[in-house]
N, C-alpha and C. Protein backbone atom coordinates (compact mmCIF):
# COMPACT_ATOMS: atom_id res chain seq x y z
N MET A 1 74.09 45.13 152.06
CA MET A 1 73.22 46.02 152.01
C MET A 1 72.38 46.43 150.73
N GLY A 2 71.29 46.30 151.13
CA GLY A 2 70.19 46.58 149.88
C GLY A 2 70.45 47.61 148.89
N ILE A 3 69.66 47.40 147.72
CA ILE A 3 69.60 48.69 146.99
C ILE A 3 68.65 50.40 147.62
N PRO A 4 68.92 50.70 147.49
CA PRO A 4 68.22 52.64 148.36
C PRO A 4 66.93 52.22 147.33
N LEU A 5 66.12 53.01 147.91
CA LEU A 5 64.74 52.78 147.52
C LEU A 5 64.67 53.90 146.25
N LEU A 6 65.56 54.86 146.40
CA LEU A 6 65.31 55.84 145.23
C LEU A 6 65.86 55.14 143.80
N SER A 7 67.13 54.51 144.21
CA SER A 7 67.51 53.87 142.55
C SER A 7 66.66 52.50 142.34
N VAL A 8 65.60 52.09 143.04
CA VAL A 8 64.82 51.05 142.46
C VAL A 8 63.71 52.20 141.45
N LEU A 9 63.30 52.74 142.00
CA LEU A 9 62.54 53.53 141.68
C LEU A 9 62.60 54.04 140.20
N LYS A 10 64.17 54.46 140.22
CA LYS A 10 64.51 54.88 138.90
C LYS A 10 64.75 53.58 137.80
N HIS A 11 64.49 52.32 138.06
CA HIS A 11 64.47 50.80 137.66
C HIS A 11 63.53 50.98 136.98
N ILE A 12 62.66 50.88 137.40
CA ILE A 12 60.83 50.32 137.45
C ILE A 12 60.08 51.35 137.17
N SER A 13 60.21 52.91 137.98
CA SER A 13 59.34 53.93 137.60
C SER A 13 60.21 54.84 137.26
N PRO A 14 61.32 55.50 136.40
CA PRO A 14 62.01 56.25 136.11
C PRO A 14 61.36 57.72 135.61
N ALA A 15 61.77 59.14 136.04
CA ALA A 15 61.02 60.21 135.48
C ALA A 15 61.18 60.54 134.00
N SER A 16 61.94 60.00 133.62
CA SER A 16 62.30 60.41 132.69
C SER A 16 63.40 58.88 131.30
N TYR A 17 62.75 59.09 130.25
CA TYR A 17 63.79 57.98 129.36
C TYR A 17 65.45 58.18 129.85
N GLU A 18 65.67 59.56 129.51
CA GLU A 18 66.91 59.71 129.92
C GLU A 18 67.44 59.16 131.55
N GLU A 19 66.57 59.49 132.78
CA GLU A 19 66.81 59.08 133.65
C GLU A 19 67.10 57.16 133.85
N PHE A 20 66.26 56.77 133.11
CA PHE A 20 66.27 55.49 132.79
C PHE A 20 67.26 54.93 132.36
N ILE A 21 68.08 55.58 131.25
CA ILE A 21 69.22 54.77 130.11
C ILE A 21 70.51 55.71 131.24
N ASP A 22 70.66 56.31 131.53
CA ASP A 22 71.50 57.08 132.88
C ASP A 22 71.66 55.92 133.78
N ALA A 23 70.90 55.45 134.47
CA ALA A 23 70.80 54.59 135.50
C ALA A 23 71.08 53.26 135.22
N LEU A 24 70.53 52.58 134.04
CA LEU A 24 71.09 51.65 133.84
C LEU A 24 72.33 51.41 132.86
N TYR A 25 73.08 52.63 132.43
CA TYR A 25 74.64 52.34 131.80
C TYR A 25 75.43 52.71 133.35
N THR A 26 75.18 53.00 134.42
CA THR A 26 75.78 53.22 135.74
C THR A 26 75.93 51.48 136.12
N ASP A 27 74.78 50.87 136.00
CA ASP A 27 74.28 49.72 136.67
C ASP A 27 74.98 48.64 136.20
N LEU A 28 75.32 48.68 134.35
CA LEU A 28 75.49 47.81 133.73
C LEU A 28 76.60 48.19 133.41
N ASP A 29 77.74 48.85 133.37
CA ASP A 29 78.88 49.50 133.99
C ASP A 29 79.59 48.88 135.28
N ALA A 30 79.01 48.52 135.79
CA ALA A 30 79.27 47.97 137.40
C ALA A 30 78.96 46.33 137.04
N LEU A 31 78.22 45.95 136.64
CA LEU A 31 77.90 44.41 136.53
C LEU A 31 78.99 43.88 135.29
N ILE A 32 79.47 44.70 134.38
CA ILE A 32 80.19 44.06 133.29
C ILE A 32 81.89 44.12 133.91
N GLY A 33 81.73 45.33 135.25
CA GLY A 33 83.07 44.78 136.16
C GLY A 33 83.38 43.82 136.74
N SER A 34 81.83 43.39 137.12
CA SER A 34 81.79 41.90 138.47
C SER A 34 82.42 40.89 137.47
N LEU A 35 81.63 41.08 136.22
CA LEU A 35 82.11 39.48 134.80
C LEU A 35 83.70 39.94 135.06
N GLU A 36 84.05 41.06 134.50
CA GLU A 36 85.48 40.67 134.25
C GLU A 36 86.36 40.44 135.55
N ALA A 37 86.03 41.12 136.78
CA ALA A 37 86.20 40.54 137.92
C ALA A 37 86.81 38.60 137.70
N ASP A 38 85.52 38.33 137.42
CA ASP A 38 85.78 36.60 137.77
C ASP A 38 85.87 36.32 136.16
N ALA A 39 87.06 36.82 135.35
CA ALA A 39 87.37 36.38 133.85
C ALA A 39 87.47 35.02 134.11
N LYS A 40 88.01 34.48 135.12
CA LYS A 40 88.40 33.25 135.35
C LYS A 40 87.06 32.11 134.75
N ASP A 41 85.80 32.64 135.16
CA ASP A 41 85.02 31.82 135.41
C ASP A 41 84.05 31.77 133.99
N PHE A 42 84.98 33.28 132.96
CA PHE A 42 83.87 32.90 131.93
C PHE A 42 84.80 33.05 130.70
N ALA A 43 86.00 32.81 131.03
CA ALA A 43 86.99 33.13 130.19
C ALA A 43 86.73 31.97 128.37
N GLU A 44 86.10 31.20 128.80
CA GLU A 44 85.54 30.06 127.55
C GLU A 44 83.79 29.93 127.01
N ALA A 45 83.38 31.09 127.87
CA ALA A 45 82.01 30.56 127.80
C ALA A 45 81.35 31.47 126.74
N GLY A 46 80.20 30.87 126.07
CA GLY A 46 79.47 31.44 125.38
C GLY A 46 78.90 32.51 125.17
N GLU A 47 78.24 33.09 124.00
CA GLU A 47 77.43 34.21 124.42
C GLU A 47 75.99 33.93 125.30
N ASP A 48 75.31 33.02 125.03
CA ASP A 48 74.71 32.79 125.79
C ASP A 48 74.49 32.94 127.62
N VAL A 49 75.54 32.09 127.69
CA VAL A 49 75.91 32.33 129.19
C VAL A 49 76.66 33.73 129.40
N LEU A 50 77.17 34.14 128.69
CA LEU A 50 77.26 35.63 129.07
C LEU A 50 76.02 36.65 129.70
N ASN A 51 75.26 36.33 128.14
CA ASN A 51 73.71 37.08 128.45
C ASN A 51 73.21 36.75 129.40
N ARG A 52 73.08 35.36 129.75
CA ARG A 52 72.23 34.92 130.71
C ARG A 52 72.79 35.58 132.17
N GLU A 53 73.87 35.80 132.44
CA GLU A 53 74.72 36.46 133.55
C GLU A 53 74.24 37.64 133.82
N LEU A 54 74.44 38.17 132.56
CA LEU A 54 74.29 39.56 132.76
C LEU A 54 72.43 39.98 133.18
N VAL A 55 72.02 39.34 132.48
CA VAL A 55 70.51 39.46 132.79
C VAL A 55 69.98 39.08 134.36
N ARG A 56 70.60 38.10 134.62
CA ARG A 56 70.42 37.64 136.32
C ARG A 56 70.77 38.73 137.18
N LEU A 57 72.17 39.34 136.47
CA LEU A 57 72.37 40.69 137.63
C LEU A 57 71.96 41.62 137.29
N LEU A 58 71.24 41.88 136.32
CA LEU A 58 70.07 42.74 136.53
C LEU A 58 69.04 43.16 136.97
N ASN A 59 68.76 41.81 136.99
CA ASN A 59 67.23 41.58 137.75
C ASN A 59 67.35 41.64 138.99
N ALA A 60 68.69 41.37 139.61
CA ALA A 60 69.15 41.24 140.81
C ALA A 60 68.94 42.87 141.42
N ARG A 61 69.29 43.61 140.87
CA ARG A 61 69.35 44.82 140.81
C ARG A 61 67.90 45.49 140.32
N TYR A 62 66.96 44.83 140.31
CA TYR A 62 65.49 45.22 140.36
C TYR A 62 65.31 45.67 138.87
N TYR A 63 65.82 45.58 137.90
CA TYR A 63 65.48 46.00 136.89
C TYR A 63 64.51 44.85 136.26
N CYS A 64 63.78 45.12 135.24
CA CYS A 64 62.87 44.15 134.58
C CYS A 64 63.62 43.57 133.22
N ALA A 65 64.36 42.90 133.69
CA ALA A 65 64.83 42.44 132.29
C ALA A 65 65.49 40.74 131.58
N SER A 66 65.24 40.38 130.65
CA SER A 66 65.54 39.12 129.58
C SER A 66 66.27 38.83 128.81
N HIS A 67 65.90 37.88 128.66
CA HIS A 67 67.31 37.26 127.45
C HIS A 67 66.23 36.22 126.41
N ASP A 68 66.46 36.75 125.16
CA ASP A 68 65.54 36.02 124.62
C ASP A 68 64.20 36.21 123.89
N ASN A 69 64.31 37.23 124.75
CA ASN A 69 62.92 38.07 124.47
C ASN A 69 62.59 38.29 123.14
N ASP A 70 61.38 38.19 122.45
CA ASP A 70 61.04 38.04 121.12
C ASP A 70 60.43 39.73 121.20
N GLU A 71 61.46 40.53 120.37
CA GLU A 71 60.99 41.82 120.28
C GLU A 71 61.16 41.90 118.88
N GLY A 72 60.61 41.72 117.52
CA GLY A 72 60.75 41.30 116.20
C GLY A 72 61.76 40.14 116.23
N GLY A 73 61.61 39.05 116.72
CA GLY A 73 63.02 38.21 116.96
C GLY A 73 63.71 38.34 118.54
N HIS A 74 64.33 37.40 118.61
CA HIS A 74 65.15 37.09 119.72
C HIS A 74 66.24 37.75 120.00
N VAL A 75 66.08 39.09 120.59
CA VAL A 75 67.27 40.03 120.95
C VAL A 75 67.48 39.64 122.52
N ASP A 76 69.16 39.68 122.44
CA ASP A 76 70.11 38.89 123.32
C ASP A 76 69.61 39.51 125.00
N ILE A 77 69.47 40.51 125.05
CA ILE A 77 69.03 41.51 126.37
C ILE A 77 67.83 42.54 126.09
N HIS A 78 67.23 42.32 126.90
CA HIS A 78 65.96 43.27 126.56
C HIS A 78 65.57 44.40 128.12
N VAL A 79 65.81 45.22 128.40
CA VAL A 79 65.36 45.77 129.80
C VAL A 79 64.67 46.86 129.75
N LYS A 80 63.32 46.48 130.10
CA LYS A 80 62.35 47.60 130.65
C LYS A 80 61.77 48.17 131.76
N ALA A 81 61.08 49.60 131.35
CA ALA A 81 60.50 50.08 132.89
C ALA A 81 59.02 49.77 132.65
N PRO A 82 58.57 48.77 132.76
CA PRO A 82 57.01 48.66 132.21
C PRO A 82 55.88 49.71 132.32
N LEU A 83 56.42 50.59 134.01
CA LEU A 83 55.31 50.67 134.66
C LEU A 83 55.03 52.37 133.28
N LYS A 84 56.37 52.85 132.51
CA LYS A 84 56.53 53.88 131.51
C LYS A 84 56.64 53.55 130.54
N GLY A 85 56.83 52.35 130.13
CA GLY A 85 56.41 51.78 128.68
C GLY A 85 58.19 52.19 127.76
N PHE A 86 59.00 52.68 128.63
CA PHE A 86 60.65 52.58 128.19
C PHE A 86 60.86 51.02 128.01
N SER A 87 62.35 50.90 127.33
CA SER A 87 63.01 49.84 126.80
C SER A 87 64.21 49.90 126.18
N TRP A 88 65.14 48.97 126.86
CA TRP A 88 66.65 49.08 126.08
C TRP A 88 66.84 47.65 125.29
N LEU A 89 67.48 47.93 124.01
CA LEU A 89 67.96 46.36 123.73
C LEU A 89 69.25 46.48 123.60
N GLY A 90 69.94 45.17 123.75
CA GLY A 90 71.42 44.79 123.61
C GLY A 90 71.47 43.58 122.87
N GLU A 91 72.80 44.00 122.05
CA GLU A 91 72.44 42.49 121.13
C GLU A 91 74.27 42.60 121.46
N ALA A 92 74.47 41.24 121.78
CA ALA A 92 75.65 40.95 122.29
C ALA A 92 76.96 39.75 121.16
N LYS A 93 78.21 40.18 120.94
CA LYS A 93 78.91 39.24 120.25
C LYS A 93 80.14 38.97 120.79
N LEU A 94 80.52 37.30 120.49
CA LEU A 94 82.37 36.96 120.85
C LEU A 94 82.96 38.14 119.94
N ASP A 95 83.88 38.34 120.22
CA ASP A 95 85.02 38.79 119.47
C ASP A 95 85.54 38.07 118.31
N ASN A 96 85.07 37.67 117.24
CA ASN A 96 85.12 36.66 116.34
C ASN A 96 85.44 37.92 115.09
N GLY A 97 86.31 39.20 115.48
CA GLY A 97 86.27 39.67 114.19
C GLY A 97 85.17 41.15 114.25
N PRO A 98 86.15 42.01 112.98
CA PRO A 98 84.94 42.99 112.75
C PRO A 98 83.52 43.01 112.42
N ALA A 99 83.74 41.57 111.04
CA ALA A 99 82.56 41.46 110.34
C ALA A 99 81.34 40.76 111.20
N TYR A 100 82.19 40.24 112.48
CA TYR A 100 81.11 39.62 113.35
C TYR A 100 80.04 40.39 114.15
N ILE A 101 80.95 41.37 114.32
CA ILE A 101 80.60 42.09 115.61
C ILE A 101 79.45 43.00 114.68
N LEU A 102 79.99 43.58 113.34
CA LEU A 102 79.14 43.95 112.95
C LEU A 102 77.91 43.00 112.48
N SER A 103 77.97 42.20 112.22
CA SER A 103 76.40 41.37 112.20
C SER A 103 75.42 41.50 113.10
N GLY A 104 76.21 41.52 114.35
CA GLY A 104 75.50 41.96 115.86
C GLY A 104 74.40 43.31 115.78
N LEU A 105 75.65 44.90 115.27
CA LEU A 105 74.57 45.70 115.11
C LEU A 105 73.66 45.75 113.85
N ASN A 106 73.98 44.90 113.15
CA ASN A 106 72.93 45.08 111.89
C ASN A 106 71.64 44.44 112.75
N GLN A 107 71.88 43.11 113.26
CA GLN A 107 70.87 42.64 114.13
C GLN A 107 69.77 43.50 114.93
N LEU A 108 70.57 44.41 114.99
CA LEU A 108 70.42 45.06 116.72
C LEU A 108 68.87 46.35 115.85
N VAL A 109 70.03 46.97 114.45
CA VAL A 109 68.99 48.02 113.90
C VAL A 109 68.02 47.50 113.04
N THR A 110 68.06 46.51 112.36
CA THR A 110 67.27 46.27 111.21
C THR A 110 66.19 44.96 111.75
N ARG A 111 66.14 44.52 112.71
CA ARG A 111 65.20 43.39 113.37
C ARG A 111 64.63 43.93 114.85
N TYR A 112 64.98 44.52 115.60
CA TYR A 112 64.75 44.70 116.94
C TYR A 112 64.54 46.37 117.06
N ALA A 113 65.26 46.88 116.86
CA ALA A 113 65.08 48.39 117.07
C ALA A 113 64.01 49.13 116.72
N ARG A 114 63.09 49.89 117.84
CA ARG A 114 62.07 50.68 117.38
C ARG A 114 62.35 51.68 117.11
N GLY A 115 63.22 52.19 118.11
CA GLY A 115 63.61 54.16 117.58
C GLY A 115 62.40 55.22 118.17
N THR A 116 61.10 54.63 118.69
CA THR A 116 60.44 55.31 119.12
C THR A 116 60.62 56.31 120.19
N PRO A 117 60.33 57.30 120.71
CA PRO A 117 60.16 57.67 122.07
C PRO A 117 59.70 56.99 123.22
N GLY A 118 61.04 56.53 124.12
CA GLY A 118 61.36 55.90 125.02
C GLY A 118 61.60 54.90 124.27
N ASN A 119 62.14 54.05 123.05
CA ASN A 119 62.69 53.08 122.73
C ASN A 119 63.67 53.45 122.03
N ASN A 120 64.46 54.46 122.33
CA ASN A 120 65.51 55.16 120.93
C ASN A 120 66.80 54.66 121.32
N ALA A 121 67.10 53.89 122.61
CA ALA A 121 68.78 53.30 122.44
C ALA A 121 68.74 51.97 123.08
N GLY A 122 69.95 51.74 122.45
CA GLY A 122 70.30 50.41 122.57
C GLY A 122 71.98 49.98 122.88
N GLY A 123 72.46 48.98 122.48
CA GLY A 123 73.81 48.37 123.07
C GLY A 123 74.29 47.55 122.67
N LEU A 124 75.19 47.61 121.98
CA LEU A 124 76.53 46.21 121.31
C LEU A 124 77.42 46.16 122.46
N LEU A 125 77.11 45.09 122.88
CA LEU A 125 78.09 44.42 123.89
C LEU A 125 79.49 43.60 122.82
N VAL A 126 80.25 43.59 122.91
CA VAL A 126 81.46 42.59 122.35
C VAL A 126 82.11 41.90 123.81
N TYR A 127 82.01 40.51 123.84
CA TYR A 127 83.00 39.73 124.70
C TYR A 127 84.57 39.26 123.89
N PHE A 128 85.70 40.00 125.01
CA PHE A 128 86.69 39.43 124.35
C PHE A 128 87.47 38.89 124.92
N GLN A 129 87.80 37.64 125.04
CA GLN A 129 88.35 36.33 125.28
C GLN A 129 89.78 36.32 124.93
N LYS A 130 90.41 37.61 124.55
CA LYS A 130 91.87 37.46 124.01
C LYS A 130 92.26 38.62 124.84
N ASP A 131 93.69 38.96 124.54
CA ASP A 131 94.41 39.90 125.19
C ASP A 131 93.95 41.39 124.34
N ARG A 132 94.71 42.23 124.88
CA ARG A 132 94.76 43.19 124.27
C ARG A 132 93.05 43.43 123.77
N CYS A 133 92.07 43.78 124.64
CA CYS A 133 90.95 44.53 124.56
C CYS A 133 90.62 45.54 124.08
N SER A 134 90.91 46.13 124.49
CA SER A 134 90.97 47.65 124.14
C SER A 134 91.83 48.28 122.58
N ASP A 135 92.56 47.20 122.17
CA ASP A 135 93.19 47.46 120.60
C ASP A 135 92.44 46.72 120.13
N ARG A 136 91.92 45.71 120.11
CA ARG A 136 91.02 44.94 119.50
C ARG A 136 89.74 45.60 119.00
N PHE A 137 89.14 46.22 120.22
CA PHE A 137 87.89 47.24 120.35
C PHE A 137 88.08 48.29 119.41
N GLN A 138 89.09 48.86 119.48
CA GLN A 138 89.60 50.29 118.44
C GLN A 138 89.42 49.55 116.57
N GLU A 139 90.20 48.76 116.54
CA GLU A 139 89.64 47.68 115.23
C GLU A 139 88.14 47.97 114.60
N TRP A 140 87.48 47.72 115.82
CA TRP A 140 85.74 47.48 115.14
C TRP A 140 85.59 49.09 115.46
N ARG A 141 85.71 49.60 115.87
CA ARG A 141 85.25 51.09 115.95
C ARG A 141 86.11 51.96 114.63
N THR A 142 87.32 51.50 114.14
CA THR A 142 87.79 52.44 112.91
C THR A 142 87.06 51.81 112.01
N GLU A 143 86.83 50.19 111.80
CA GLU A 143 85.88 50.05 111.18
C GLU A 143 84.86 50.46 110.35
N LEU A 144 83.75 50.64 111.78
CA LEU A 144 82.66 51.06 111.54
C LEU A 144 82.68 52.59 110.61
N GLU A 145 83.97 53.00 111.51
CA GLU A 145 83.94 54.55 111.08
C GLU A 145 83.64 55.00 109.84
N GLN A 146 85.00 54.02 109.15
CA GLN A 146 85.26 54.11 107.89
C GLN A 146 85.06 53.67 106.70
N ASP A 147 84.92 52.14 107.26
CA ASP A 147 84.37 51.21 106.10
C ASP A 147 82.68 51.21 106.06
N HIS A 148 81.83 51.89 107.00
CA HIS A 148 80.76 51.46 107.30
C HIS A 148 79.66 52.54 107.04
N LYS A 149 80.53 53.79 107.09
CA LYS A 149 79.48 55.19 107.25
C LYS A 149 78.28 55.35 106.63
N ASP A 150 78.67 54.62 105.21
CA ASP A 150 77.52 54.47 104.27
C ASP A 150 76.54 53.86 104.35
N SER A 151 76.78 52.97 105.28
CA SER A 151 75.31 51.83 105.97
C SER A 151 74.79 52.30 107.13
N PHE A 152 75.06 53.38 107.68
CA PHE A 152 74.11 54.03 109.00
C PHE A 152 74.24 55.51 108.59
N GLU A 153 72.44 56.12 108.03
CA GLU A 153 72.59 57.31 107.74
C GLU A 153 72.62 58.44 109.05
N ASP A 154 73.74 59.04 108.12
CA ASP A 154 74.35 60.36 109.22
C ASP A 154 75.04 59.95 110.49
N LEU A 155 76.08 58.96 110.12
CA LEU A 155 76.76 58.19 111.40
C LEU A 155 77.35 59.45 112.09
N GLU A 156 77.33 59.27 113.45
CA GLU A 156 78.27 60.19 114.29
C GLU A 156 78.28 58.83 115.67
N VAL A 157 79.85 58.77 115.70
CA VAL A 157 80.60 58.62 116.76
C VAL A 157 81.25 59.27 117.81
N ALA A 158 81.12 59.07 119.03
CA ALA A 158 81.59 59.97 119.97
C ALA A 158 82.69 59.06 120.64
N ASP A 159 83.42 59.66 121.67
CA ASP A 159 84.15 58.86 123.36
C ASP A 159 83.31 58.81 124.30
N CYS A 160 83.58 57.90 124.91
CA CYS A 160 82.44 57.59 126.20
C CYS A 160 83.07 57.82 127.12
N SER A 161 82.88 59.21 127.96
CA SER A 161 83.59 59.03 129.02
C SER A 161 83.54 58.27 130.06
N ARG A 162 82.49 57.28 130.31
CA ARG A 162 82.06 56.71 131.59
C ARG A 162 83.24 54.96 131.47
N ARG A 163 83.79 55.21 130.12
CA ARG A 163 84.58 53.64 129.75
C ARG A 163 85.86 53.84 128.91
N PRO A 164 85.89 54.74 129.02
CA PRO A 164 87.31 54.96 128.39
C PRO A 164 88.12 54.20 127.56
N GLY A 165 88.12 54.27 126.50
CA GLY A 165 88.74 53.06 125.33
C GLY A 165 88.30 51.54 125.34
N LEU A 166 87.09 51.71 126.43
CA LEU A 166 86.26 50.68 126.04
C LEU A 166 84.86 50.35 126.03
N ALA A 167 84.29 51.74 125.85
CA ALA A 167 83.39 51.84 124.89
C ALA A 167 83.17 53.07 124.47
N PHE A 168 82.40 53.21 123.25
CA PHE A 168 81.96 54.35 122.28
C PHE A 168 80.63 54.60 122.11
N GLU A 169 80.02 55.71 121.89
CA GLU A 169 78.79 55.95 121.49
C GLU A 169 78.73 56.36 120.04
N SER A 170 77.25 56.13 119.54
CA SER A 170 77.11 56.09 118.15
C SER A 170 75.86 56.41 117.88
N LYS A 171 75.35 57.51 116.89
CA LYS A 171 74.15 58.04 116.87
C LYS A 171 73.70 57.75 115.29
N PHE A 172 72.99 57.33 114.47
CA PHE A 172 72.23 57.63 113.44
C PHE A 172 70.91 57.54 112.91
N VAL A 173 70.69 57.53 111.87
CA VAL A 173 69.24 58.04 111.41
C VAL A 173 68.70 56.31 111.12
N LEU A 174 67.36 55.62 111.71
CA LEU A 174 67.01 54.47 111.77
C LEU A 174 66.31 54.57 110.65
N ASN A 175 66.10 53.14 109.84
CA ASN A 175 65.59 53.37 108.57
C ASN A 175 64.29 53.50 108.95
N ARG A 176 63.84 52.35 109.42
CA ARG A 176 62.26 52.31 109.53
C ARG A 176 61.77 53.33 110.18
N ILE A 177 62.33 54.87 110.86
CA ILE A 177 61.67 55.52 111.61
C ILE A 177 62.18 56.82 110.37
N GLY A 178 63.11 56.98 109.95
CA GLY A 178 63.50 58.18 108.89
C GLY A 178 63.98 59.34 109.43
N SER A 179 64.56 60.09 108.90
CA SER A 179 65.35 61.54 109.41
C SER A 179 64.80 62.83 110.25
N LEU A 180 63.13 62.37 110.08
CA LEU A 180 62.73 63.27 110.53
C LEU A 180 62.62 62.78 112.65
N ALA A 181 62.82 62.14 112.64
CA ALA A 181 62.93 61.60 114.40
C ALA A 181 64.20 61.41 114.60
N PRO A 182 64.66 61.68 116.42
CA PRO A 182 65.67 61.54 117.12
C PRO A 182 66.39 60.51 116.56
N LYS A 183 67.70 60.60 116.24
CA LYS A 183 68.83 59.63 115.79
C LYS A 183 68.68 58.48 116.89
N TYR A 184 68.93 57.04 116.11
CA TYR A 184 69.08 55.74 117.41
C TYR A 184 70.51 55.88 118.18
N GLN A 185 70.14 55.69 119.16
CA GLN A 185 72.05 55.59 119.97
C GLN A 185 72.37 54.51 120.18
N VAL A 186 73.10 54.01 120.05
CA VAL A 186 73.68 52.73 120.31
C VAL A 186 75.10 53.08 121.16
N ARG A 187 75.27 52.40 122.33
CA ARG A 187 76.34 52.47 123.02
C ARG A 187 77.65 51.05 122.65
N HIS A 188 78.42 51.42 122.12
CA HIS A 188 79.32 49.92 121.85
C HIS A 188 80.08 49.70 123.53
N ILE A 189 80.06 48.52 124.10
CA ILE A 189 80.83 48.36 125.20
C ILE A 189 81.47 46.90 125.09
N ALA A 190 83.44 47.06 125.30
CA ALA A 190 83.91 46.09 125.68
C ALA A 190 84.11 45.34 126.75
N VAL A 191 84.00 44.30 126.56
CA VAL A 191 83.68 43.70 127.89
C VAL A 191 85.04 42.42 128.07
N SER A 192 85.99 42.27 129.19
CA SER A 192 87.21 41.79 128.70
C SER A 192 87.17 40.79 129.81
N LEU A 193 87.28 39.58 128.83
CA LEU A 193 87.29 38.18 129.69
C LEU A 193 88.32 37.52 130.00
N PHE A 194 90.00 38.20 129.18
CA PHE A 194 90.94 37.20 129.49
C PHE A 194 91.23 36.85 130.42
N ARG A 195 91.86 35.77 130.26
CA ARG A 195 92.46 35.26 131.25
C ARG A 195 93.53 34.49 131.36
N ALA A 196 94.97 35.17 131.60
CA ALA A 196 96.26 34.38 130.83
C ALA A 196 96.29 33.10 131.51
N ALA A 197 97.02 31.94 130.51
CA ALA A 197 97.30 30.87 131.46
C ALA A 197 98.20 31.12 132.21
N VAL A 198 98.25 30.35 133.59
CA VAL A 198 99.50 30.12 133.84
C VAL A 198 99.95 28.66 134.23
N ASP A 199 101.00 28.77 133.81
CA ASP A 199 101.91 27.39 133.91
C ASP A 199 102.65 27.58 135.55
N ASP A 200 102.18 26.00 136.23
CA ASP A 200 102.46 26.18 137.46
C ASP A 200 104.30 26.11 137.68
N ASN A 201 104.68 25.38 136.59
CA ASN A 201 105.99 25.10 136.37
C ASN A 201 106.84 26.21 136.38
N THR A 202 106.40 27.43 135.82
CA THR A 202 107.12 28.46 134.82
C THR A 202 107.74 29.01 135.74
N TYR A 203 107.32 29.08 137.53
CA TYR A 203 108.77 29.68 138.10
C TYR A 203 108.64 28.98 138.91
N GLU A 204 110.14 28.02 138.79
CA GLU A 204 110.73 27.06 139.48
C GLU A 204 111.99 27.65 140.44
N LYS A 205 111.69 26.75 141.79
CA LYS A 205 112.43 27.58 142.91
C LYS A 205 114.12 27.34 142.28
N GLN A 206 114.55 28.49 142.55
CA GLN A 206 116.05 28.58 142.32
C GLN A 206 117.07 28.12 143.45
N PRO A 207 117.79 27.37 143.06
CA PRO A 207 118.57 27.09 144.06
C PRO A 207 119.68 27.70 145.07
N LYS A 208 119.53 27.34 145.88
CA LYS A 208 120.20 28.29 146.86
C LYS A 208 121.59 28.32 146.80
N ARG A 209 122.09 29.65 146.54
CA ARG A 209 123.85 29.83 146.57
C ARG A 209 124.35 29.56 147.67
N ALA A 210 125.89 28.56 147.42
CA ALA A 210 126.27 28.27 148.73
C ALA A 210 127.31 29.51 148.95
N LYS A 211 127.62 29.57 150.26
CA LYS A 211 127.79 30.56 151.32
C LYS A 211 129.38 30.37 150.85
N ARG A 212 130.12 31.67 150.30
CA ARG A 212 131.49 31.71 149.80
C ARG A 212 132.27 31.40 151.85
N SER A 213 133.34 30.62 151.64
CA SER A 213 134.21 30.79 152.71
C SER A 213 134.93 31.64 153.04
N ARG A 214 135.40 32.15 154.22
CA ARG A 214 136.19 32.82 154.04
C ARG A 214 137.55 32.72 154.03
N LYS A 215 138.61 33.11 153.47
CA LYS A 215 139.67 32.85 153.56
C LYS A 215 140.68 33.59 155.23
N LYS A 216 141.48 32.75 155.62
CA LYS A 216 141.93 32.76 157.05
C LYS A 216 142.80 34.24 156.81
N GLY A 217 142.91 34.98 157.66
CA GLY A 217 143.96 36.14 157.15
C GLY A 217 143.41 37.05 155.96
N SER A 218 142.03 37.16 155.35
CA SER A 218 141.60 37.90 154.69
C SER A 218 140.92 39.12 155.46
């Protein structure tokens, strides 16, 4: 079954930037779910492989998406509605600890993000290939709120109802634009790609129990 025409129009010529972002996040969450369902294929994949797969899936849904597009630097995921001049930028990192994830956020907001009308939202995707994804993701949120509050002017952090425990929202003053413009919005998204290794010999067949013979007269 094809994608409804109205949905396609929201991708290529949305009525507003808010409509564009809302439709994108709905589809992005669904596509991330597809990656997670095929975790066995991506449990050891690198960032570029994962980013290209998401871009491929987005294009299959009639988005204008690209990987490594030059946007003041080579941004991981670039989605745009060219007829309206809208864009969304995504930076993605493997979970190599909060400091490494922070480097991705810094790349997004210092190199790529414009913060102008129609270009005021982005995302930070974190690929988790280990277990307890939500716990590890919370460590990143806690570090951002407690240890880096001064690094992002007037930082606000809030839960994300679309993906509880696996996403949160942040917004802050983008330095290149200043405090008189709306804050730049970043959606942080955890992608769970852990697949437990199963040893085929773990569950050996249990020997059959010998039947007890009944004693005569009992």
